[in-house]
N, C-alpha and C. Protein backbone atom coordinates (compact mmCIF):
# COMPACT_ATOMS: atom_id res chain seq x y z
N MET A 1 95.16 79.15 227.74
CA MET A 1 94.98 78.54 226.27
C MET A 1 95.16 79.85 225.45
N ARG A 2 95.96 80.40 224.47
CA ARG A 2 96.17 81.22 223.65
C ARG A 2 95.35 80.99 222.29
N ARG A 3 94.60 81.67 222.11
CA ARG A 3 93.87 81.31 220.71
C ARG A 3 94.83 82.71 219.46
N PRO A 4 94.57 82.42 218.43
CA PRO A 4 95.18 83.64 217.48
C PRO A 4 94.10 84.74 217.22
N SER A 5 94.82 85.97 217.01
CA SER A 5 94.05 87.01 216.72
C SER A 5 93.91 88.13 215.93
N PHE A 6 93.79 88.79 215.61
CA PHE A 6 93.99 89.78 214.77
C PHE A 6 94.69 90.93 215.04
N VAL A 7 95.06 91.25 216.33
CA VAL A 7 95.77 92.43 216.40
C VAL A 7 96.69 92.89 215.65
N ILE A 8 98.30 91.85 214.85
CA ILE A 8 98.88 91.74 214.51
C ILE A 8 98.94 92.34 213.06
N GLU A 9 97.75 91.75 213.24
CA GLU A 9 97.10 92.22 211.38
C GLU A 9 96.79 93.57 211.76
N GLN A 10 96.07 94.50 212.69
CA GLN A 10 95.63 95.55 213.37
C GLN A 10 96.75 96.68 212.94
N THR A 11 98.26 95.65 213.07
CA THR A 11 98.84 97.43 213.27
C THR A 11 99.76 97.75 212.27
N ILE A 12 99.13 96.85 210.41
CA ILE A 12 98.97 97.33 209.75
C ILE A 12 98.38 97.65 208.29
N ASP A 13 99.14 98.75 208.28
CA ASP A 13 98.26 99.76 207.21
C ASP A 13 97.68 99.20 206.15
N GLY A 14 96.75 98.66 205.58
CA GLY A 14 96.61 97.91 203.69
C GLY A 14 96.11 96.54 204.36
N PRO A 15 95.93 95.51 202.83
CA PRO A 15 95.61 94.10 203.52
C PRO A 15 96.57 93.13 203.44
N VAL A 16 95.86 92.32 204.44
CA VAL A 16 97.65 91.87 205.09
C VAL A 16 97.11 90.32 204.82
N ALA A 17 97.87 89.71 204.72
CA ALA A 17 98.38 88.06 204.04
C ALA A 17 99.09 87.42 205.02
N GLY A 18 98.34 85.84 205.97
CA GLY A 18 98.72 85.13 206.76
C GLY A 18 98.75 83.64 205.34
N LEU A 19 99.51 83.50 205.79
CA LEU A 19 100.73 82.40 205.23
C LEU A 19 100.93 81.13 205.88
N ASP A 20 100.68 79.65 205.83
CA ASP A 20 101.24 78.95 206.29
C ASP A 20 101.72 77.71 205.40
N GLU A 21 102.20 76.11 205.70
CA GLU A 21 101.99 74.91 204.80
C GLU A 21 101.48 74.40 205.21
N ALA A 22 101.43 73.02 204.97
CA ALA A 22 101.25 71.38 205.20
C ALA A 22 101.70 70.25 203.88
N GLY A 23 102.10 69.49 204.99
CA GLY A 23 102.66 69.02 203.91
C GLY A 23 104.65 68.28 204.22
N ARG A 24 104.72 69.27 205.26
CA ARG A 24 106.16 69.30 205.38
C ARG A 24 107.37 67.78 205.43
N GLY A 25 106.38 67.06 206.23
CA GLY A 25 107.04 65.84 206.87
C GLY A 25 106.52 64.46 206.57
N PRO A 26 105.39 64.37 205.34
CA PRO A 26 105.07 63.15 204.80
C PRO A 26 106.22 62.63 203.86
N LEU A 27 106.13 61.03 203.38
CA LEU A 27 107.62 60.53 203.21
C LEU A 27 106.69 60.41 200.96
N ALA A 28 104.98 60.94 201.16
CA ALA A 28 104.47 60.92 199.71
C ALA A 28 103.75 62.26 200.02
N GLY A 29 103.64 62.96 198.75
CA GLY A 29 102.76 63.10 197.80
C GLY A 29 103.76 64.80 198.04
N PRO A 30 102.92 66.12 197.75
CA PRO A 30 103.65 67.47 197.33
C PRO A 30 103.23 68.23 198.63
N VAL A 31 103.95 69.85 198.49
CA VAL A 31 103.30 70.39 199.51
C VAL A 31 102.73 71.21 199.39
N VAL A 32 101.75 71.95 200.40
CA VAL A 32 100.74 72.56 199.94
C VAL A 32 101.05 74.31 200.83
N ALA A 33 100.32 75.27 200.37
CA ALA A 33 100.93 76.31 200.91
C ALA A 33 98.94 77.26 200.29
N ALA A 34 98.99 78.28 201.87
CA ALA A 34 97.86 79.06 201.78
C ALA A 34 98.80 80.17 201.74
N ALA A 35 97.40 81.62 200.93
CA ALA A 35 97.63 82.71 201.12
C ALA A 35 96.20 82.77 202.23
N VAL A 36 95.90 83.72 202.60
CA VAL A 36 94.47 84.19 203.11
C VAL A 36 94.66 85.75 203.77
N ILE A 37 93.95 86.74 203.29
CA ILE A 37 93.68 87.87 203.65
C ILE A 37 92.45 88.33 204.04
N PHE A 38 91.69 88.46 204.85
CA PHE A 38 90.45 88.88 205.16
C PHE A 38 89.98 90.14 204.88
N HIS A 39 88.56 90.21 203.58
CA HIS A 39 87.93 91.87 203.66
C HIS A 39 86.74 92.31 204.64
N THR A 40 86.59 91.04 204.98
CA THR A 40 85.19 90.88 205.75
C THR A 40 85.25 90.19 207.37
N MET A 41 85.42 90.48 208.67
CA MET A 41 85.35 89.73 210.14
C MET A 41 83.70 88.74 209.76
N PRO A 42 84.48 87.62 209.83
CA PRO A 42 83.47 86.66 210.27
C PRO A 42 82.88 87.41 212.29
N SER A 43 81.64 86.50 212.09
CA SER A 43 80.79 86.28 213.54
C SER A 43 82.24 86.24 214.88
N ARG A 44 81.81 86.77 216.18
CA ARG A 44 82.40 86.28 216.76
C ARG A 44 82.52 84.42 217.02
N ARG A 45 81.12 84.40 216.76
CA ARG A 45 81.20 82.59 216.75
C ARG A 45 81.59 81.97 215.99
N LYS A 46 82.16 82.02 215.08
CA LYS A 46 82.75 81.91 213.54
C LYS A 46 84.53 81.77 213.94
N LEU A 47 84.62 83.18 213.91
CA LEU A 47 85.64 83.18 214.63
C LEU A 47 86.01 82.50 215.61
N ARG A 48 85.50 81.54 216.47
CA ARG A 48 86.12 80.86 217.53
C ARG A 48 86.04 79.64 217.14
N ARG A 49 86.27 79.49 215.44
CA ARG A 49 86.39 77.97 214.94
C ARG A 49 87.55 77.82 214.22
N ILE A 50 88.50 79.28 214.80
CA ILE A 50 89.51 79.33 213.86
C ILE A 50 90.46 79.59 214.74
N ASP A 51 91.65 78.41 214.20
CA ASP A 51 92.56 77.69 215.42
C ASP A 51 94.28 77.04 213.94
N ASP A 52 95.10 77.07 214.62
CA ASP A 52 95.62 76.43 214.92
C ASP A 52 95.10 75.35 214.18
N SER A 53 95.41 74.76 212.05
CA SER A 53 95.38 73.62 211.98
C SER A 53 94.68 71.88 212.96
N LYS A 54 96.45 71.96 213.48
CA LYS A 54 96.73 71.13 214.09
C LYS A 54 95.71 70.63 215.81
N GLN A 55 95.22 71.68 215.77
CA GLN A 55 94.32 72.04 217.49
C GLN A 55 92.84 71.32 216.64
N LEU A 56 92.47 71.79 215.92
CA LEU A 56 90.74 71.13 214.79
C LEU A 56 90.94 69.35 214.86
N LEU A 57 89.78 69.19 215.07
CA LEU A 57 89.92 67.95 214.10
C LEU A 57 89.20 67.80 212.63
N PRO A 58 89.38 66.67 211.58
CA PRO A 58 89.07 67.12 210.70
C PRO A 58 88.13 67.95 210.20
N GLU A 59 86.90 67.41 210.92
CA GLU A 59 85.34 68.18 210.61
C GLU A 59 85.53 69.27 211.24
N GLU A 60 85.97 69.86 211.52
CA GLU A 60 86.09 71.48 211.78
C GLU A 60 87.09 71.86 211.38
N ARG A 61 88.20 71.89 210.79
CA ARG A 61 88.75 71.99 209.58
C ARG A 61 87.37 72.00 208.61
N GLU A 62 87.63 71.12 207.62
CA GLU A 62 85.86 71.23 206.62
C GLU A 62 84.95 72.46 207.12
N GLU A 63 84.61 72.27 208.54
CA GLU A 63 83.36 73.57 208.66
C GLU A 63 83.90 74.64 208.26
N VAL A 64 85.50 75.29 208.61
CA VAL A 64 85.14 76.27 208.47
C VAL A 64 85.80 76.69 207.03
N PHE A 65 86.78 75.98 206.56
CA PHE A 65 86.99 75.82 205.53
C PHE A 65 85.56 76.34 204.09
N GLY A 66 84.64 75.44 204.51
CA GLY A 66 83.19 75.49 203.94
C GLY A 66 82.86 77.29 203.63
N TRP A 67 83.12 78.05 205.05
CA TRP A 67 82.80 79.73 204.89
C TRP A 67 83.74 80.39 205.04
N LEU A 68 85.06 79.95 204.83
CA LEU A 68 86.49 81.21 204.68
C LEU A 68 86.11 81.50 203.57
N GLY A 69 85.88 81.52 202.63
CA GLY A 69 86.12 82.03 201.09
C GLY A 69 84.23 82.88 201.18
N ASP A 70 83.80 83.37 202.19
CA ASP A 70 82.74 84.43 202.26
C ASP A 70 83.68 85.56 203.01
N TYR A 71 84.68 85.45 203.61
CA TYR A 71 85.70 86.43 204.76
C TYR A 71 86.90 86.94 203.94
N ALA A 72 87.08 86.23 202.76
CA ALA A 72 88.45 86.27 202.97
C ALA A 72 89.17 85.96 201.25
N HIS A 73 90.06 86.76 200.38
CA HIS A 73 90.55 86.18 199.48
C HIS A 73 91.58 84.65 199.56
N ILE A 74 91.73 83.73 199.24
CA ILE A 74 92.05 82.46 199.31
C ILE A 74 93.23 82.57 198.04
N GLY A 75 94.44 82.50 198.72
CA GLY A 75 95.13 81.73 197.50
C GLY A 75 95.92 80.37 197.94
N VAL A 76 96.17 79.41 197.01
CA VAL A 76 97.09 78.26 197.20
C VAL A 76 98.23 77.65 196.12
N GLY A 77 99.06 77.21 196.21
CA GLY A 77 100.00 77.13 195.87
C GLY A 77 100.28 75.90 196.60
N ARG A 78 101.62 74.67 196.10
CA ARG A 78 101.60 73.93 195.80
C ARG A 78 103.00 73.67 195.05
N ALA A 79 103.98 72.71 195.67
CA ALA A 79 105.55 72.14 194.91
C ALA A 79 105.36 70.82 195.22
N SER A 80 105.47 70.29 194.17
CA SER A 80 105.57 69.41 193.74
C SER A 80 106.16 68.19 193.98
N VAL A 81 106.70 66.62 194.12
CA VAL A 81 107.46 65.68 194.54
C VAL A 81 108.62 66.34 194.03
N GLU A 82 108.47 66.67 192.96
CA GLU A 82 110.41 66.25 192.16
C GLU A 82 110.76 67.85 191.96
N GLU A 83 109.70 69.22 192.57
CA GLU A 83 110.57 70.22 192.83
C GLU A 83 110.80 69.70 194.49
N ILE A 84 110.25 68.92 195.96
CA ILE A 84 110.75 68.67 197.06
C ILE A 84 112.17 67.70 196.75
N ASP A 85 112.01 67.08 195.94
CA ASP A 85 113.16 65.85 195.61
C ASP A 85 114.14 66.81 195.06
N GLY A 86 113.97 67.87 194.72
CA GLY A 86 114.88 68.86 193.86
C GLY A 86 115.63 69.85 194.34
N ILE A 87 115.03 70.77 195.63
CA ILE A 87 115.80 72.34 195.75
C ILE A 87 115.35 71.31 197.66
N ASN A 88 115.27 69.92 198.12
CA ASN A 88 114.65 70.39 199.62
C ASN A 88 113.15 70.87 200.18
N ILE A 89 112.42 69.87 201.29
CA ILE A 89 111.62 70.29 201.11
C ILE A 89 111.04 71.73 202.29
N LEU A 90 112.98 72.44 202.22
CA LEU A 90 112.17 74.25 203.26
C LEU A 90 112.17 74.88 201.71
N TRP A 91 112.87 74.63 200.83
CA TRP A 91 112.29 75.49 200.02
C TRP A 91 111.53 75.69 199.33
N ALA A 92 111.06 74.04 199.22
CA ALA A 92 110.00 73.56 197.80
C ALA A 92 108.52 73.77 198.91
N SER A 93 108.65 74.34 200.06
CA SER A 93 107.66 74.62 200.96
C SER A 93 107.34 76.43 200.50
N MET A 94 109.00 77.09 201.26
CA MET A 94 109.23 78.53 200.58
C MET A 94 108.78 78.76 199.13
N LEU A 95 108.89 77.91 198.13
CA LEU A 95 108.27 77.97 196.46
C LEU A 95 106.61 77.37 196.84
N ALA A 96 106.21 77.29 196.99
CA ALA A 96 105.12 76.94 197.69
C ALA A 96 104.34 77.98 198.34
N MET A 97 104.48 78.98 198.82
CA MET A 97 103.90 79.91 199.58
C MET A 97 103.84 80.85 198.88
N LYS A 98 105.16 80.93 198.08
CA LYS A 98 105.61 82.13 196.83
C LYS A 98 104.17 82.53 196.15
N ARG A 99 103.89 80.87 195.74
CA ARG A 99 102.72 80.56 194.67
C ARG A 99 101.49 80.88 195.26
N ALA A 100 101.41 80.75 196.87
CA ALA A 100 99.94 81.22 197.19
C ALA A 100 99.74 83.00 197.23
N LEU A 101 100.35 83.14 197.36
CA LEU A 101 100.24 84.65 198.05
C LEU A 101 100.48 85.13 196.30
N GLU A 102 100.76 84.70 195.25
CA GLU A 102 100.73 85.32 193.64
C GLU A 102 99.15 85.23 193.45
N SER A 103 98.88 83.16 193.91
CA SER A 103 97.65 83.57 193.34
C SER A 103 96.30 84.02 193.69
N LEU A 104 97.05 85.50 194.89
CA LEU A 104 95.84 85.84 195.36
C LEU A 104 94.43 86.99 194.63
N SER A 105 94.08 86.50 194.81
CA SER A 105 92.81 88.15 193.56
C SER A 105 93.34 89.39 193.74
N LEU A 106 93.70 89.40 195.57
CA LEU A 106 94.30 90.83 195.98
C LEU A 106 95.73 91.11 196.08
N ALA A 107 96.45 91.88 195.55
CA ALA A 107 97.95 92.72 196.78
C ALA A 107 98.01 92.16 197.99
N PRO A 108 98.60 92.05 198.67
CA PRO A 108 98.72 92.56 200.17
C PRO A 108 99.74 93.34 200.12
N VAL A 109 99.52 93.92 201.25
CA VAL A 109 100.82 94.96 201.41
C VAL A 109 101.89 93.96 202.31
N THR A 110 101.61 93.63 202.99
CA THR A 110 102.90 92.49 203.82
C THR A 110 101.76 90.84 204.26
N ALA A 111 103.03 90.88 204.37
CA ALA A 111 103.41 88.69 204.08
C ALA A 111 103.25 88.23 205.24
N LEU A 112 102.21 87.48 206.11
CA LEU A 112 102.30 86.94 207.64
C LEU A 112 102.89 85.46 207.57
N VAL A 113 104.34 85.07 207.59
CA VAL A 113 104.36 83.64 208.69
C VAL A 113 104.88 83.22 209.01
N ASP A 114 104.57 82.17 208.81
CA ASP A 114 104.28 81.32 210.13
C ASP A 114 105.64 80.36 210.38
N GLY A 115 106.45 80.61 210.78
CA GLY A 115 107.94 80.22 210.85
C GLY A 115 109.30 81.07 211.12
N ASN A 116 110.23 81.21 211.16
CA ASN A 116 111.56 82.08 211.35
C ASN A 116 112.69 82.40 209.89
N THR A 117 112.37 81.31 208.61
CA THR A 117 112.57 81.53 206.86
C THR A 117 111.76 82.83 206.53
N GLU A 118 112.47 82.70 206.32
CA GLU A 118 111.52 83.95 205.54
C GLU A 118 111.85 83.62 203.29
N PRO A 119 110.85 83.15 202.83
CA PRO A 119 110.21 82.54 201.21
C PRO A 119 111.46 84.52 200.80
N PRO A 120 112.25 83.86 199.77
CA PRO A 120 112.46 85.07 198.83
C PRO A 120 111.65 85.16 197.96
N GLU A 121 111.84 86.29 197.29
CA GLU A 121 111.17 87.04 196.27
C GLU A 121 110.28 87.11 195.90
N MET A 122 109.55 87.23 197.39
CA MET A 122 108.35 87.02 197.78
C MET A 122 107.64 88.64 196.75
N PRO A 123 106.50 89.23 196.53
CA PRO A 123 106.06 90.21 195.63
C PRO A 123 106.19 91.00 197.15
N CYS A 124 105.50 90.89 198.12
CA CYS A 124 105.79 92.07 199.33
C CYS A 124 106.70 91.68 200.21
N PRO A 125 106.37 92.65 201.13
CA PRO A 125 107.53 92.84 202.52
C PRO A 125 106.96 91.85 203.89
N VAL A 126 107.49 90.65 203.99
CA VAL A 126 107.26 89.45 205.05
C VAL A 126 107.93 89.53 206.24
N ARG A 127 106.81 89.40 207.36
CA ARG A 127 106.79 89.77 208.50
C ARG A 127 107.14 88.05 208.81
N CYS A 128 108.23 87.03 209.89
CA CYS A 128 107.95 86.14 209.91
C CYS A 128 107.20 85.86 211.42
N ILE A 129 106.35 85.56 212.05
CA ILE A 129 106.35 84.98 213.20
C ILE A 129 106.39 83.73 213.46
N VAL A 130 107.13 83.70 214.09
CA VAL A 130 107.53 81.68 215.10
C VAL A 130 106.27 81.56 216.00
N ASP A 131 105.20 80.11 215.81
CA ASP A 131 104.53 79.96 216.94
C ASP A 131 103.09 81.03 215.78
N GLY A 132 103.03 81.29 214.71
CA GLY A 132 102.80 82.05 213.63
C GLY A 132 100.68 81.77 213.77
N ASP A 133 100.47 80.10 213.71
CA ASP A 133 99.58 79.92 213.44
C ASP A 133 98.89 79.50 215.22
N ALA A 134 99.49 80.28 216.35
CA ALA A 134 98.59 80.59 217.62
C ALA A 134 98.07 81.45 217.62
N SER A 135 99.47 82.31 217.18
CA SER A 135 98.38 84.12 216.90
C SER A 135 98.40 85.11 215.95
N SER A 136 97.91 84.72 215.33
CA SER A 136 97.72 85.21 213.71
C SER A 136 96.47 84.62 212.98
N LEU A 137 95.27 85.23 213.19
CA LEU A 137 94.16 84.62 212.95
C LEU A 137 94.21 84.58 211.35
N SER A 138 95.10 84.96 210.11
CA SER A 138 95.12 85.00 208.93
C SER A 138 95.85 83.64 209.25
N ILE A 139 96.97 83.70 209.62
CA ILE A 139 98.00 82.23 210.04
C ILE A 139 97.00 81.70 209.55
N ALA A 140 96.22 81.27 210.62
CA ALA A 140 95.45 80.32 211.08
C ALA A 140 94.71 79.85 210.22
N ALA A 141 93.68 80.33 209.30
CA ALA A 141 93.20 80.45 208.71
C ALA A 141 94.10 80.06 207.59
N ALA A 142 95.31 80.37 207.25
CA ALA A 142 96.05 79.34 205.86
C ALA A 142 96.28 78.58 206.32
N SER A 143 96.36 77.91 207.85
CA SER A 143 96.93 76.37 207.98
C SER A 143 96.29 75.48 207.81
N ILE A 144 94.73 76.15 207.78
CA ILE A 144 93.00 75.34 208.05
C ILE A 144 92.88 75.37 206.02
N VAL A 145 93.58 75.39 205.69
CA VAL A 145 93.29 75.70 204.29
C VAL A 145 93.89 74.70 203.31
N ALA A 146 95.45 75.48 203.75
CA ALA A 146 96.23 74.16 203.30
C ALA A 146 96.63 73.26 204.01
N LYS A 147 95.82 72.39 204.63
CA LYS A 147 95.09 71.37 205.34
C LYS A 147 94.33 70.36 204.56
N VAL A 148 93.21 71.35 204.61
CA VAL A 148 92.29 70.80 204.24
C VAL A 148 92.71 70.33 202.47
N THR A 149 93.08 70.89 201.51
CA THR A 149 93.13 71.44 200.76
C THR A 149 94.27 70.03 200.36
N ARG A 150 95.28 70.34 201.16
CA ARG A 150 96.45 68.97 201.13
C ARG A 150 95.68 67.08 201.73
N ASP A 151 95.19 67.63 202.55
CA ASP A 151 94.37 66.55 202.85
C ASP A 151 93.59 65.77 201.51
N ARG A 152 93.06 66.52 201.15
CA ARG A 152 92.20 66.04 199.76
C ARG A 152 92.46 65.80 198.65
N GLU A 153 93.59 66.86 198.33
CA GLU A 153 94.30 66.10 197.01
C GLU A 153 95.30 64.46 197.53
N MET A 154 95.73 64.69 199.21
CA MET A 154 95.70 62.97 198.94
C MET A 154 94.96 61.84 199.29
N VAL A 155 93.71 62.57 199.33
CA VAL A 155 92.07 61.14 199.42
C VAL A 155 92.60 60.26 197.07
N THR A 156 92.58 62.13 196.96
CA THR A 156 92.38 61.35 195.63
C THR A 156 93.62 61.24 195.02
N LEU A 157 94.69 61.03 195.54
CA LEU A 157 96.15 60.12 194.96
C LEU A 157 95.97 58.25 195.70
N ALA A 158 95.23 58.79 197.13
CA ALA A 158 95.41 57.04 197.37
C ALA A 158 93.97 55.95 196.17
N GLN A 159 93.17 57.42 195.40
CA GLN A 159 92.67 56.56 194.48
C GLN A 159 93.43 56.09 193.13
N ARG A 160 94.16 56.61 192.84
CA ARG A 160 95.01 56.61 191.63
C ARG A 160 96.06 55.60 192.35
N TYR A 161 96.91 54.93 193.60
CA TYR A 161 97.66 54.42 194.27
C TYR A 161 97.04 53.85 195.57
N PRO A 162 96.39 52.90 194.83
CA PRO A 162 95.54 52.12 197.10
C PRO A 162 96.93 50.93 197.21
N GLY A 163 96.56 51.07 198.53
CA GLY A 163 97.32 50.10 198.92
C GLY A 163 98.06 51.16 200.15
N TYR A 164 98.70 51.99 200.33
CA TYR A 164 99.07 52.53 200.88
C TYR A 164 98.43 53.95 202.75
N GLY A 165 97.12 53.65 202.26
CA GLY A 165 96.45 53.85 203.04
C GLY A 165 96.41 55.90 203.30
N TRP A 166 96.59 55.94 202.10
CA TRP A 166 96.35 57.44 201.59
C TRP A 166 95.83 58.72 202.31
N GLU A 167 94.70 57.82 202.48
CA GLU A 167 92.99 58.60 202.59
C GLU A 167 93.20 58.50 204.16
N ARG A 168 93.79 57.74 204.93
CA ARG A 168 93.77 58.11 206.01
C ARG A 168 95.50 58.92 206.22
N ASN A 169 96.41 58.11 206.37
CA ASN A 169 98.06 58.67 207.31
C ASN A 169 97.99 60.29 206.02
N MET A 170 97.68 60.80 205.26
CA MET A 170 97.90 61.19 204.04
C MET A 170 99.11 61.92 203.70
N GLY A 171 99.80 60.71 203.70
CA GLY A 171 101.58 60.58 203.02
C GLY A 171 102.20 59.97 204.29
N TYR A 172 101.52 60.25 205.67
CA TYR A 172 103.28 60.45 206.55
C TYR A 172 103.52 59.22 206.44
N GLY A 173 104.75 58.75 207.77
CA GLY A 173 104.82 57.66 207.77
C GLY A 173 105.02 56.64 208.59
N THR A 174 102.97 56.24 208.44
CA THR A 174 102.87 55.16 209.47
C THR A 174 103.39 53.70 209.52
N ALA A 175 102.71 53.24 210.13
CA ALA A 175 102.85 51.81 209.52
C ALA A 175 102.50 50.74 208.85
N GLU A 176 100.91 51.88 208.50
CA GLU A 176 100.32 51.05 207.30
C GLU A 176 101.12 51.77 205.88
N HIS A 177 101.16 52.96 206.49
CA HIS A 177 102.49 52.99 205.00
C HIS A 177 103.66 52.97 205.10
N ARG A 178 103.89 52.03 205.84
CA ARG A 178 105.43 51.15 205.16
C ARG A 178 105.18 50.11 205.30
N LEU A 179 103.86 49.18 205.54
CA LEU A 179 103.20 48.39 205.76
C LEU A 179 103.02 48.26 203.92
N GLY A 180 102.62 49.55 202.92
CA GLY A 180 102.09 49.23 202.10
C GLY A 180 103.37 49.04 201.39
N ILE A 181 104.40 50.40 201.59
CA ILE A 181 105.52 50.56 200.39
C ILE A 181 106.57 49.21 200.60
N ASP A 182 105.51 48.28 201.79
CA ASP A 182 106.43 46.90 201.99
C ASP A 182 106.31 46.08 200.93
N PHE A 183 104.70 46.08 201.00
CA PHE A 183 103.96 44.90 199.48
C PHE A 183 104.18 45.86 198.64
N LEU A 184 103.76 46.92 197.63
CA LEU A 184 103.79 47.55 197.06
C LEU A 184 105.25 48.03 196.51
N GLY A 185 105.97 48.92 197.14
CA GLY A 185 107.25 49.75 196.76
C GLY A 185 106.46 50.78 196.34
N ILE A 186 107.94 51.50 196.00
CA ILE A 186 107.59 53.26 195.44
C ILE A 186 106.91 53.38 194.55
N ASN A 187 106.93 54.42 194.39
CA ASN A 187 105.75 54.53 193.09
C ASN A 187 106.12 56.69 193.15
N SER A 188 105.47 57.37 191.70
CA SER A 188 106.18 58.30 191.61
C SER A 188 105.98 59.32 191.95
N GLN A 189 104.60 59.09 193.28
CA GLN A 189 104.85 60.02 194.86
C GLN A 189 105.20 60.69 195.56
N HIS A 190 106.42 59.34 195.94
CA HIS A 190 107.53 59.03 196.84
C HIS A 190 108.45 59.87 196.82
N ARG A 191 108.70 60.95 198.26
CA ARG A 191 109.90 61.43 198.00
C ARG A 191 111.48 61.02 198.13
N ARG A 192 111.76 60.40 197.22
CA ARG A 192 113.15 59.84 196.87
C ARG A 192 114.27 60.80 198.37
N THR A 193 114.28 61.68 198.08
CA THR A 193 115.22 62.28 198.88
C THR A 193 115.10 62.13 201.12
N PHE A 194 113.60 61.49 200.98
CA PHE A 194 113.29 61.57 202.37
C PHE A 194 114.31 60.15 203.25
N ARG A 195 114.27 60.13 203.63
CA ARG A 195 115.55 59.68 204.63
C ARG A 195 114.76 57.42 204.44
N PRO A 196 113.65 57.30 204.47
CA PRO A 196 113.48 56.24 205.17
C PRO A 196 113.27 55.69 203.37
N ILE A 197 112.82 56.66 202.13
CA ILE A 197 112.79 55.95 200.91
C ILE A 197 114.35 55.95 200.79
N TYR A 198 115.31 56.93 200.72
CA TYR A 198 116.34 56.37 200.00
C TYR A 198 116.75 54.99 200.26
N GLU A 199 116.42 55.28 201.89
CA GLU A 199 117.64 54.57 202.42
C GLU A 199 117.07 52.31 201.55
N LEU A 200 115.77 52.53 201.53
CA LEU A 200 115.06 51.27 200.70
C LEU A 200 115.84 50.84 198.92
N LEU A 201 115.53 52.48 198.68
CA LEU A 201 116.01 52.74 197.59
C LEU A 201 117.56 52.29 197.30
N ALA A 202 118.42 52.51 198.38
CA ALA A 202 119.67 52.14 198.15
C ALA A 202 119.90 50.65 198.90
N THR A 203 118.84 49.93 199.40
CA THR A 203 119.00 48.49 199.54
C THR A 203 118.52 47.82 197.95
N SER A 204 118.42 48.36 197.73
CA SER A 204 116.99 48.12 196.53
C SER A 204 118.31 47.49 194.86
N TYR A 205 119.81 48.32 195.41
CA TYR A 205 120.02 47.84 194.59
C TYR A 205 121.44 47.25 195.07
């Protein structure tokens, strides 16, 4: 099984940021991106804890999130539901990545971006890496930060908008979430350009 490493980062002279996002697929909530630049290498034991966020249990992501700031500069960026509906989810994700990079306390010489689409107007050169969260430690760490940050935000939104199960489904279109929409309707945190939402809106008029 392939594990992320620091091989790509070591080929670049200067600070390297890993970039990833969380929340492209849900029907509700923002998309969140994170940027991570390691300034100190964690112990080998801790490095083994870093992986693509999708490969980790929630408690494992929380554990890494808890100590990662001791070893890395971290930046977080978001794009709102209104921005997602206004420019589409792909470009909203790119905007969140740009904001995450700009929020770093250290300027990187290069950003490693998970995927094959280069965000526009970035403040430094970008290298796109398909499945980057499985090969780059910086990207994998960013995937964890983005996921944990967004999950926490969805738990908070679940308190403001109870009945959709967002504290469990994080805004994804689960049966619980769809049942909540059937009973409670659509609220301001739902993405109106996503098919299940706009189809429901279309049948309401």
